[in-house]
Amino acid sequence: MASNMNISELRTANKMMSSLLIHPGEMIKDEIIARGITQKELAQQMGVSYTVFNEILNGKRPVTTEYALLLEAALGTDANIWLGLQADYNMQQMKKDNSFMKRLDKIRRIAAVF
């Protein structure tokens, strides 16, 4: 399909950002389901509050370094994966914030003068 697009269309397409943001909690949920354990069981194994853990899984709280390391210990997954996914999610969230993006543009214009 890309062969039918001209260069400017490809450039525009490459700058587009997915409108679907996926919080890492969703991926952790998938991992839990694949392993056949419950959220409560994993929270208990990690020694954390089920309520807080559930909020992470539902995208209401970020995956912190502490939780990434706890997940690494409990699931054998690299903590950097969860932190990277959270950082990507955070970046996409900020890029959707029009007032923040205008602020960045203003700063970039000022910085370009120097």
N, C-alpha and C. Protein backbone atom coordinates (compact mmCIF):
# COMPACT_ATOMS: atom_id res chain seq x y z
N MET A 1 0.82 -1.19 0.00
CA MET A 1 0.00 0.00 0.00
C MET A 1 0.87 1.26 0.00
N ALA A 2 2.03 1.22 0.64
CA ALA A 2 2.91 2.37 0.69
C ALA A 2 3.39 2.77 -0.70
N SER A 3 3.46 1.81 -1.63
CA SER A 3 3.94 2.13 -2.96
C SER A 3 2.99 3.07 -3.69
N ASN A 4 1.73 3.14 -3.30
CA ASN A 4 0.76 4.04 -3.92
C ASN A 4 0.82 5.44 -3.33
N MET A 5 1.60 5.63 -2.29
CA MET A 5 1.68 6.94 -1.63
C MET A 5 2.89 7.69 -2.16
N ASN A 6 2.76 9.03 -2.30
CA ASN A 6 3.92 9.81 -2.68
C ASN A 6 4.74 10.14 -1.44
N ILE A 7 5.90 10.72 -1.63
CA ILE A 7 6.83 10.98 -0.53
C ILE A 7 6.22 11.87 0.55
N SER A 8 5.52 12.94 0.17
CA SER A 8 4.95 13.83 1.18
C SER A 8 3.87 13.12 2.00
N GLU A 9 3.11 12.23 1.36
CA GLU A 9 2.10 11.46 2.10
C GLU A 9 2.77 10.52 3.09
N LEU A 10 3.89 9.91 2.69
CA LEU A 10 4.61 9.03 3.60
C LEU A 10 5.15 9.80 4.79
N ARG A 11 5.69 10.97 4.52
CA ARG A 11 6.22 11.78 5.62
C ARG A 11 5.11 12.15 6.60
N THR A 12 3.97 12.55 6.06
CA THR A 12 2.84 12.90 6.92
C THR A 12 2.40 11.68 7.71
N ALA A 13 2.32 10.54 7.05
CA ALA A 13 1.88 9.32 7.73
C ALA A 13 2.86 8.95 8.84
N ASN A 14 4.15 9.14 8.61
CA ASN A 14 5.15 8.78 9.62
C ASN A 14 5.10 9.69 10.84
N LYS A 15 4.61 10.90 10.70
CA LYS A 15 4.52 11.82 11.82
C LYS A 15 3.25 11.61 12.64
N MET A 16 2.34 10.81 12.12
CA MET A 16 1.08 10.60 12.82
C MET A 16 1.32 9.77 14.08
N MET A 17 0.51 10.06 15.06
CA MET A 17 0.61 9.36 16.32
C MET A 17 -0.67 8.54 16.50
N SER A 18 -0.50 7.36 17.02
CA SER A 18 -1.66 6.50 17.26
C SER A 18 -2.63 7.20 18.20
N SER A 19 -3.90 7.13 17.87
CA SER A 19 -4.90 7.73 18.75
C SER A 19 -5.26 6.79 19.90
N LEU A 20 -4.78 5.56 19.81
CA LEU A 20 -5.07 4.58 20.84
C LEU A 20 -3.88 4.47 21.77
N LEU A 21 -4.03 5.01 22.97
CA LEU A 21 -2.98 4.91 23.96
C LEU A 21 -3.24 3.69 24.82
N ILE A 22 -2.22 2.88 25.00
CA ILE A 22 -2.38 1.68 25.82
C ILE A 22 -1.48 1.82 27.04
N HIS A 23 -2.11 1.90 28.19
CA HIS A 23 -1.39 1.97 29.46
C HIS A 23 -0.73 0.62 29.71
N PRO A 24 0.47 0.62 30.28
CA PRO A 24 1.14 -0.67 30.54
C PRO A 24 0.34 -1.60 31.46
N GLY A 25 -0.55 -1.03 32.25
CA GLY A 25 -1.40 -1.86 33.10
C GLY A 25 -2.21 -2.87 32.30
N GLU A 26 -2.63 -2.46 31.10
CA GLU A 26 -3.38 -3.37 30.23
C GLU A 26 -2.52 -4.57 29.84
N MET A 27 -1.26 -4.32 29.59
CA MET A 27 -0.35 -5.39 29.20
C MET A 27 -0.03 -6.30 30.39
N ILE A 28 0.04 -5.69 31.56
CA ILE A 28 0.26 -6.49 32.77
C ILE A 28 -0.95 -7.40 33.00
N LYS A 29 -2.14 -6.87 32.77
CA LYS A 29 -3.35 -7.70 32.89
C LYS A 29 -3.27 -8.90 31.95
N ASP A 30 -2.84 -8.66 30.71
CA ASP A 30 -2.71 -9.76 29.74
C ASP A 30 -1.72 -10.81 30.24
N GLU A 31 -0.63 -10.34 30.83
CA GLU A 31 0.39 -11.25 31.36
C GLU A 31 -0.18 -12.10 32.51
N ILE A 32 -0.96 -11.47 33.36
CA ILE A 32 -1.57 -12.17 34.49
C ILE A 32 -2.53 -13.24 33.99
N ILE A 33 -3.35 -12.88 33.01
CA ILE A 33 -4.32 -13.83 32.44
C ILE A 33 -3.58 -15.00 31.80
N ALA A 34 -2.53 -14.69 31.04
CA ALA A 34 -1.77 -15.75 30.36
C ALA A 34 -1.15 -16.74 31.36
N ARG A 35 -0.84 -16.27 32.55
CA ARG A 35 -0.24 -17.13 33.56
C ARG A 35 -1.27 -17.84 34.43
N GLY A 36 -2.53 -17.48 34.25
CA GLY A 36 -3.59 -18.15 34.99
C GLY A 36 -3.63 -17.82 36.47
N ILE A 37 -3.20 -16.60 36.81
CA ILE A 37 -3.27 -16.16 38.21
C ILE A 37 -4.22 -14.98 38.30
N THR A 38 -4.63 -14.66 39.51
CA THR A 38 -5.54 -13.53 39.68
C THR A 38 -4.74 -12.29 40.07
N GLN A 39 -5.37 -11.15 39.89
CA GLN A 39 -4.76 -9.88 40.31
C GLN A 39 -4.49 -9.90 41.81
N LYS A 40 -5.44 -10.42 42.55
CA LYS A 40 -5.29 -10.46 44.01
C LYS A 40 -4.13 -11.36 44.41
N GLU A 41 -3.99 -12.49 43.74
CA GLU A 41 -2.88 -13.40 44.04
C GLU A 41 -1.54 -12.72 43.78
N LEU A 42 -1.44 -12.03 42.64
CA LEU A 42 -0.18 -11.37 42.30
C LEU A 42 0.11 -10.22 43.26
N ALA A 43 -0.90 -9.45 43.59
CA ALA A 43 -0.71 -8.35 44.55
C ALA A 43 -0.21 -8.89 45.88
N GLN A 44 -0.80 -9.99 46.31
CA GLN A 44 -0.39 -10.60 47.58
C GLN A 44 1.04 -11.12 47.49
N GLN A 45 1.38 -11.77 46.39
CA GLN A 45 2.74 -12.27 46.19
C GLN A 45 3.76 -11.13 46.21
N MET A 46 3.38 -9.99 45.64
CA MET A 46 4.28 -8.84 45.58
C MET A 46 4.27 -8.05 46.88
N GLY A 47 3.31 -8.33 47.76
CA GLY A 47 3.24 -7.62 49.03
C GLY A 47 2.74 -6.19 48.90
N VAL A 48 1.80 -5.99 47.97
CA VAL A 48 1.27 -4.64 47.74
C VAL A 48 -0.24 -4.65 47.92
N SER A 49 -0.78 -3.47 48.10
CA SER A 49 -2.22 -3.29 48.22
C SER A 49 -2.91 -3.70 46.91
N TYR A 50 -3.92 -4.54 47.03
CA TYR A 50 -4.67 -4.93 45.85
C TYR A 50 -5.33 -3.72 45.20
N THR A 51 -5.84 -2.81 46.01
CA THR A 51 -6.53 -1.62 45.48
C THR A 51 -5.58 -0.78 44.62
N VAL A 52 -4.39 -0.52 45.12
CA VAL A 52 -3.41 0.27 44.37
C VAL A 52 -3.00 -0.48 43.11
N PHE A 53 -2.74 -1.77 43.25
CA PHE A 53 -2.33 -2.58 42.10
C PHE A 53 -3.42 -2.57 41.03
N ASN A 54 -4.66 -2.71 41.44
CA ASN A 54 -5.78 -2.69 40.51
C ASN A 54 -5.87 -1.34 39.79
N GLU A 55 -5.57 -0.26 40.49
CA GLU A 55 -5.59 1.06 39.85
C GLU A 55 -4.50 1.17 38.79
N ILE A 56 -3.36 0.55 39.03
CA ILE A 56 -2.30 0.51 38.02
C ILE A 56 -2.78 -0.28 36.81
N LEU A 57 -3.35 -1.45 37.07
CA LEU A 57 -3.83 -2.30 35.98
C LEU A 57 -4.91 -1.62 35.16
N ASN A 58 -5.68 -0.74 35.77
CA ASN A 58 -6.75 -0.03 35.07
C ASN A 58 -6.35 1.35 34.57
N GLY A 59 -5.05 1.64 34.59
CA GLY A 59 -4.53 2.88 34.01
C GLY A 59 -4.79 4.12 34.83
N LYS A 60 -5.14 3.96 36.10
CA LYS A 60 -5.42 5.12 36.95
C LYS A 60 -4.19 5.59 37.70
N ARG A 61 -3.16 4.76 37.73
CA ARG A 61 -1.87 5.09 38.34
C ARG A 61 -0.77 4.61 37.41
N PRO A 62 0.39 5.26 37.47
CA PRO A 62 1.50 4.83 36.62
C PRO A 62 2.21 3.62 37.20
N VAL A 63 2.92 2.91 36.34
CA VAL A 63 3.82 1.85 36.78
C VAL A 63 5.08 2.55 37.26
N THR A 64 5.32 2.53 38.55
CA THR A 64 6.50 3.17 39.12
C THR A 64 7.70 2.21 39.08
N THR A 65 8.86 2.74 39.39
CA THR A 65 10.06 1.91 39.45
C THR A 65 9.87 0.79 40.46
N GLU A 66 9.28 1.11 41.60
CA GLU A 66 9.03 0.10 42.64
C GLU A 66 8.18 -1.04 42.09
N TYR A 67 7.07 -0.70 41.45
CA TYR A 67 6.18 -1.73 40.93
C TYR A 67 6.82 -2.50 39.78
N ALA A 68 7.60 -1.82 38.95
CA ALA A 68 8.30 -2.50 37.86
C ALA A 68 9.26 -3.55 38.42
N LEU A 69 9.96 -3.20 39.49
CA LEU A 69 10.89 -4.15 40.10
C LEU A 69 10.14 -5.30 40.78
N LEU A 70 9.01 -4.99 41.40
CA LEU A 70 8.19 -6.04 42.02
C LEU A 70 7.65 -6.99 40.95
N LEU A 71 7.22 -6.44 39.82
CA LEU A 71 6.75 -7.28 38.72
C LEU A 71 7.88 -8.14 38.16
N GLU A 72 9.05 -7.56 38.08
CA GLU A 72 10.22 -8.32 37.61
C GLU A 72 10.46 -9.52 38.51
N ALA A 73 10.41 -9.29 39.83
CA ALA A 73 10.64 -10.38 40.78
C ALA A 73 9.54 -11.43 40.71
N ALA A 74 8.30 -10.99 40.60
CA ALA A 74 7.16 -11.91 40.64
C ALA A 74 6.92 -12.64 39.32
N LEU A 75 7.16 -11.95 38.20
CA LEU A 75 6.84 -12.52 36.89
C LEU A 75 8.06 -12.92 36.07
N GLY A 76 9.23 -12.44 36.49
CA GLY A 76 10.44 -12.72 35.72
C GLY A 76 10.56 -11.87 34.47
N THR A 77 9.80 -10.79 34.41
CA THR A 77 9.88 -9.87 33.28
C THR A 77 10.83 -8.73 33.65
N ASP A 78 11.56 -8.23 32.70
CA ASP A 78 12.52 -7.16 32.95
C ASP A 78 11.78 -5.88 33.36
N ALA A 79 12.19 -5.29 34.47
CA ALA A 79 11.56 -4.06 34.97
C ALA A 79 11.63 -2.94 33.94
N ASN A 80 12.69 -2.93 33.14
CA ASN A 80 12.85 -1.87 32.14
C ASN A 80 11.75 -1.91 31.08
N ILE A 81 11.19 -3.08 30.84
CA ILE A 81 10.09 -3.16 29.88
C ILE A 81 8.91 -2.33 30.38
N TRP A 82 8.53 -2.55 31.65
CA TRP A 82 7.38 -1.83 32.21
C TRP A 82 7.64 -0.34 32.31
N LEU A 83 8.87 0.02 32.68
CA LEU A 83 9.21 1.44 32.78
C LEU A 83 9.23 2.11 31.41
N GLY A 84 9.73 1.39 30.43
CA GLY A 84 9.76 1.93 29.07
C GLY A 84 8.36 2.12 28.51
N LEU A 85 7.49 1.14 28.75
CA LEU A 85 6.10 1.27 28.29
C LEU A 85 5.41 2.44 28.98
N GLN A 86 5.70 2.62 30.27
CA GLN A 86 5.10 3.74 31.00
C GLN A 86 5.62 5.07 30.45
N ALA A 87 6.92 5.14 30.18
CA ALA A 87 7.50 6.37 29.63
C ALA A 87 6.90 6.69 28.26
N ASP A 88 6.73 5.66 27.42
CA ASP A 88 6.11 5.87 26.10
C ASP A 88 4.68 6.37 26.25
N TYR A 89 3.95 5.78 27.18
CA TYR A 89 2.56 6.19 27.43
C TYR A 89 2.53 7.64 27.90
N ASN A 90 3.40 7.99 28.83
CA ASN A 90 3.46 9.36 29.35
C ASN A 90 3.77 10.35 28.23
N MET A 91 4.71 9.99 27.37
CA MET A 91 5.10 10.87 26.26
C MET A 91 3.91 11.09 25.32
N GLN A 92 3.20 10.02 24.99
CA GLN A 92 2.05 10.15 24.11
C GLN A 92 0.96 11.00 24.75
N GLN A 93 0.77 10.84 26.04
CA GLN A 93 -0.22 11.64 26.75
C GLN A 93 0.13 13.13 26.66
N MET A 94 1.39 13.45 26.89
CA MET A 94 1.80 14.86 26.85
C MET A 94 1.66 15.43 25.44
N LYS A 95 1.96 14.63 24.43
CA LYS A 95 1.86 15.11 23.06
C LYS A 95 0.41 15.35 22.63
N LYS A 96 -0.52 14.78 23.34
CA LYS A 96 -1.94 15.01 23.07
C LYS A 96 -2.44 16.28 23.76
N ASP A 97 -1.66 16.84 24.66
CA ASP A 97 -2.04 18.03 25.42
C ASP A 97 -1.69 19.27 24.59
N ASN A 98 -2.70 19.85 23.95
CA ASN A 98 -2.47 20.98 23.04
C ASN A 98 -1.83 22.18 23.72
N SER A 99 -2.25 22.50 24.94
CA SER A 99 -1.66 23.67 25.60
C SER A 99 -0.19 23.43 25.91
N PHE A 100 0.16 22.21 26.28
CA PHE A 100 1.57 21.90 26.55
C PHE A 100 2.38 21.96 25.25
N MET A 101 1.81 21.45 24.16
CA MET A 101 2.52 21.47 22.89
C MET A 101 2.73 22.91 22.41
N LYS A 102 1.76 23.79 22.65
CA LYS A 102 1.93 25.21 22.30
C LYS A 102 3.05 25.81 23.14
N ARG A 103 3.10 25.44 24.39
CA ARG A 103 4.17 25.91 25.28
C ARG A 103 5.54 25.46 24.76
N LEU A 104 5.64 24.19 24.34
CA LEU A 104 6.90 23.69 23.77
C LEU A 104 7.27 24.46 22.51
N ASP A 105 6.29 24.71 21.65
CA ASP A 105 6.57 25.45 20.42
C ASP A 105 7.10 26.84 20.73
N LYS A 106 6.52 27.50 21.72
CA LYS A 106 6.98 28.83 22.11
C LYS A 106 8.42 28.78 22.61
N ILE A 107 8.73 27.79 23.43
CA ILE A 107 10.09 27.63 23.95
C ILE A 107 11.06 27.36 22.79
N ARG A 108 10.65 26.51 21.86
CA ARG A 108 11.53 26.19 20.71
C ARG A 108 11.79 27.42 19.85
N ARG A 109 10.76 28.27 19.66
CA ARG A 109 10.96 29.49 18.88
C ARG A 109 11.95 30.42 19.58
N ILE A 110 11.82 30.53 20.89
CA ILE A 110 12.74 31.39 21.65
C ILE A 110 14.17 30.83 21.58
N ALA A 111 14.30 29.50 21.74
CA ALA A 111 15.60 28.86 21.72
C ALA A 111 16.26 28.97 20.35
N ALA A 112 15.46 29.00 19.30
CA ALA A 112 16.00 29.09 17.93
C ALA A 112 16.68 30.42 17.68
N VAL A 113 16.32 31.44 18.44
CA VAL A 113 16.91 32.77 18.28
C VAL A 113 18.37 32.76 18.75
N PHE A 114 18.63 31.95 19.75
CA PHE A 114 19.99 31.90 20.31
C PHE A 114 20.82 31.03 19.46
